[in-house]
C-alpha atoms as a PDB file:
ATOM      1  CA  MET A   1     -94.556  45.844 -36.699  1.00  0.00           C
ATOM      2  CA  LEU A   2     -92.033  47.423 -34.353  1.00  0.00           C
ATOM      3  CA  ALA A   3     -89.783  50.386 -35.097  1.00  0.00           C
ATOM      4  CA  SER A   4     -86.939  50.557 -32.621  1.00  0.00           C
ATOM      5  CA  HIS A   5     -83.306  51.417 -32.119  1.00  0.00           C
ATOM      6  CA  LEU A   6     -83.211  48.948 -29.209  1.00  0.00           C
ATOM      7  CA  LEU A   7     -81.807  46.054 -31.196  1.00  0.00           C
ATOM      8  CA  ASP A   8     -81.629  43.707 -28.219  1.00  0.00           C
ATOM      9  CA  GLU A   9     -85.408  44.079 -27.920  1.00  0.00           C
ATOM     10  CA  VAL A  10     -85.889  43.550 -31.664  1.00  0.00           C
ATOM     11  CA  GLU A  11     -83.767  40.387 -31.537  1.00  0.00           C
ATOM     12  CA  LYS A  12     -85.888  38.949 -28.710  1.00  0.00           C
ATOM     13  CA  VAL A  13     -89.339  39.916 -30.028  1.00  0.00           C
ATOM     14  CA  CYS A  14     -89.217  39.920 -33.831  1.00  0.00           C
ATOM     15  CA  THR A  15     -88.861  37.198 -36.437  1.00  0.00           C
ATOM     16  CA  HIS A  16     -88.053  39.555 -39.324  1.00  0.00           C
ATOM     17  CA  VAL A  17     -86.068  42.770 -39.539  1.00  0.00           C
ATOM     18  CA  LEU A  18     -85.627  45.613 -42.015  1.00  0.00           C
ATOM     19  CA  VAL A  19     -82.580  47.856 -41.699  1.00  0.00           C
ATOM     20  CA  LEU A  20     -82.878  51.294 -43.259  1.00  0.00           C
ATOM     21  CA  ARG A  21     -80.341  54.061 -43.685  1.00  0.00           C
ATOM     22  CA  LYS A  22     -81.636  57.360 -45.062  1.00  0.00           C
ATOM     23  CA  GLY A  23     -84.496  55.537 -46.816  1.00  0.00           C
ATOM     24  CA  GLU A  24     -82.233  52.883 -48.367  1.00  0.00           C
ATOM     25  CA  ILE A  25     -82.863  49.228 -47.439  1.00  0.00           C
ATOM     26  CA  LEU A  26     -79.603  47.712 -46.210  1.00  0.00           C
ATOM     27  CA  TYR A  27     -81.093  44.387 -45.096  1.00  0.00           C
ATOM     28  CA  SER A  28     -84.492  42.740 -45.219  1.00  0.00           C
ATOM     29  CA  GLY A  29     -85.092  39.236 -43.906  1.00  0.00           C
ATOM     30  CA  LYS A  30     -85.257  36.965 -40.906  1.00  0.00           C
ATOM     31  CA  VAL A  31     -83.540  38.008 -37.699  1.00  0.00           C
ATOM     32  CA  ASP A  32     -81.968  34.535 -37.422  1.00  0.00           C
ATOM     33  CA  GLU A  33     -80.462  34.870 -40.903  1.00  0.00           C
ATOM     34  CA  MET A  34     -78.963  38.252 -40.107  1.00  0.00           C
ATOM     35  CA  THR A  35     -77.410  36.965 -36.902  1.00  0.00           C
ATOM     36  CA  SER A  36     -76.360  33.619 -38.345  1.00  0.00           C
ATOM     37  CA  ASN A  37     -72.674  34.009 -38.843  1.00  0.00           C
ATOM     38  CA  GLN A  38     -69.794  31.692 -38.263  1.00  0.00           C
ATOM     39  CA  GLY A  39     -69.406  33.115 -34.789  1.00  0.00           C
ATOM     40  CA  PHE A  40     -66.329  33.109 -32.635  1.00  0.00           C
ATOM     41  CA  PHE A  41     -64.732  31.249 -29.745  1.00  0.00           C
ATOM     42  CA  GLU A  42     -63.257  32.437 -26.481  1.00  0.00           C
ATOM     43  CA  LEU A  43     -60.460  30.076 -25.473  1.00  0.00           C
ATOM     44  CA  GLN A  44     -57.866  29.810 -22.757  1.00  0.00           C
ATOM     45  CA  SER A  45     -55.226  27.284 -21.800  1.00  0.00           C
ATOM     46  CA  ASN A  46     -52.234  27.232 -19.489  1.00  0.00           C
ATOM     47  CA  ASP A  47     -50.052  28.048 -22.525  1.00  0.00           C
ATOM     48  CA  ASN A  48     -51.880  30.622 -24.641  1.00  0.00           C
ATOM     49  CA  SER A  49     -48.898  31.215 -26.932  1.00  0.00           C
ATOM     50  CA  THR A  50     -48.888  27.553 -28.050  1.00  0.00           C
ATOM     51  CA  LEU A  51     -52.675  27.656 -28.271  1.00  0.00           C
ATOM     52  CA  LYS A  52     -52.506  30.685 -30.543  1.00  0.00           C
ATOM     53  CA  SER A  53     -49.844  29.226 -32.850  1.00  0.00           C
ATOM     54  CA  THR A  54     -51.804  25.970 -33.132  1.00  0.00           C
ATOM     55  CA  LEU A  55     -55.029  27.813 -33.921  1.00  0.00           C
ATOM     56  CA  GLU A  56     -53.292  29.740 -36.709  1.00  0.00           C
ATOM     57  CA  GLN A  57     -52.894  26.410 -38.530  1.00  0.00           C
ATOM     58  CA  HIS A  58     -56.593  25.477 -38.422  1.00  0.00           C
ATOM     59  CA  PRO A  59     -58.349  25.981 -41.790  1.00  0.00           C
ATOM     60  CA  ALA A  60     -61.583  27.350 -40.245  1.00  0.00           C
ATOM     61  CA  VAL A  61     -59.818  30.162 -38.375  1.00  0.00           C
ATOM     62  CA  GLU A  62     -59.965  33.611 -39.933  1.00  0.00           C
ATOM     63  CA  LYS A  63     -58.537  35.889 -37.234  1.00  0.00           C
ATOM     64  CA  ILE A  64     -57.166  35.605 -33.700  1.00  0.00           C
ATOM     65  CA  ASN A  65     -57.107  38.310 -31.008  1.00  0.00           C
ATOM     66  CA  GLU A  66     -55.917  38.265 -27.414  1.00  0.00           C
ATOM     67  CA  GLU A  67     -58.253  39.875 -24.867  1.00  0.00           C
ATOM     68  CA  ASN A  68     -57.902  39.697 -21.068  1.00  0.00           C
ATOM     69  CA  ASP A  69     -55.847  36.468 -20.951  1.00  0.00           C
ATOM     70  CA  LYS A  70     -58.224  34.821 -23.435  1.00  0.00           C
ATOM     71  CA  ILE A  71     -57.766  34.002 -27.090  1.00  0.00           C
ATOM     72  CA  VAL A  72     -60.679  35.149 -29.273  1.00  0.00           C
ATOM     73  CA  VAL A  73     -60.944  33.155 -32.487  1.00  0.00           C
ATOM     74  CA  TYR A  74     -63.054  34.384 -35.410  1.00  0.00           C
ATOM     75  CA  LEU A  75     -64.147  31.809 -37.974  1.00  0.00           C
ATOM     76  CA  LYS A  76     -64.422  31.856 -41.743  1.00  0.00           C
ATOM     77  CA  THR A  77     -66.269  28.542 -41.906  1.00  0.00           C
ATOM     78  CA  SER A  78     -68.531  26.694 -39.511  1.00  0.00           C
ATOM     79  CA  LEU A  79     -66.835  24.831 -36.663  1.00  0.00           C
ATOM     80  CA  GLU A  80     -68.409  23.113 -33.685  1.00  0.00           C
ATOM     81  CA  ALA A  81     -66.918  23.512 -30.223  1.00  0.00           C
ATOM     82  CA  ALA A  82     -66.455  19.751 -29.828  1.00  0.00           C
ATOM     83  CA  ASP A  83     -64.507  19.561 -33.105  1.00  0.00           C
ATOM     84  CA  LEU A  84     -62.215  22.426 -32.117  1.00  0.00           C
ATOM     85  CA  ASN A  85     -61.685  20.941 -28.660  1.00  0.00           C
ATOM     86  CA  ARG A  86     -60.821  17.561 -30.185  1.00  0.00           C
ATOM     87  CA  TYR A  87     -58.397  19.171 -32.682  1.00  0.00           C
ATOM     88  CA  LEU A  88     -56.581  21.037 -29.917  1.00  0.00           C
ATOM     89  CA  PHE A  89     -56.494  18.022 -27.611  1.00  0.00           C
ATOM     90  CA  GLU A  90     -54.929  15.935 -30.408  1.00  0.00           C
ATOM     91  CA  LYS A  91     -52.237  18.646 -30.672  1.00  0.00           C
ATOM     92  CA  GLY A  92     -51.560  18.293 -26.929  1.00  0.00           C
ATOM     93  CA  ILE A  93     -53.473  21.397 -25.813  1.00  0.00           C
ATOM     94  CA  VAL A  94     -55.930  21.145 -22.930  1.00  0.00           C
ATOM     95  CA  LEU A  95     -58.357  24.038 -22.642  1.00  0.00           C
ATOM     96  CA  ASN A  96     -59.516  25.472 -19.342  1.00  0.00           C
ATOM     97  CA  HIS A  97     -62.005  27.832 -21.059  1.00  0.00           C
ATOM     98  CA  LEU A  98     -64.073  27.241 -24.211  1.00  0.00           C
ATOM     99  CA  VAL A  99     -67.129  29.311 -25.150  1.00  0.00           C
ATOM    100  CA  LYS A 100     -68.702  29.635 -28.601  1.00  0.00           C
ATOM    101  CA  ARG A 101     -70.487  32.910 -29.278  1.00  0.00           C
ATOM    102  CA  LYS A 102     -72.207  34.610 -32.176  1.00  0.00           C
ATOM    103  CA  ASN A 103     -72.533  38.278 -32.938  1.00  0.00           C
ATOM    104  CA  SER A 104     -75.695  39.939 -31.667  1.00  0.00           C
ATOM    105  CA  LEU A 105     -78.156  41.735 -33.906  1.00  0.00           C
ATOM    106  CA  GLU A 106     -76.637  45.010 -32.700  1.00  0.00           C
ATOM    107  CA  GLU A 107     -73.118  43.914 -33.663  1.00  0.00           C
ATOM    108  CA  GLN A 108     -74.363  42.767 -37.062  1.00  0.00           C
ATOM    109  CA  PHE A 109     -76.212  46.075 -37.504  1.00  0.00           C
ATOM    110  CA  LEU A 110     -73.065  48.058 -36.725  1.00  0.00           C
ATOM    111  CA  GLU A 111     -71.081  45.976 -39.212  1.00  0.00           C
ATOM    112  CA  LEU A 112     -73.781  46.388 -41.860  1.00  0.00           C
ATOM    113  CA  THR A 113     -74.054  50.149 -41.428  1.00  0.00           C
ATOM    114  CA  LYS A 114     -70.334  50.636 -40.741  1.00  0.00           C
ATOM    115  CA  HIS A 115     -71.223  52.353 -37.459  1.00  0.00           C
END
């Protein structure tokens, strides 16, 4: 058992997690289940405006943000990087940056507790 506010450490060491707020259990379960979300992509092409408008048409896309010349795409359903890359290529878009990420335990904690 480990009690810690260092969530990066908890994520690396523990298999299960319990999140408490003023004695109330907000989450109890496996670390992997808490961090298993649809994730998000960081994308970039030579024409980010066309990339963005094309992504808006994809059924798995929930939200799109622009950050530092990259398009950040949040998902509402599962989508593999290869499938997204293929979809965009078929629409005539060639990516020069494609990274799939998932929220960390800390990010999930902040969302769960509303900061």
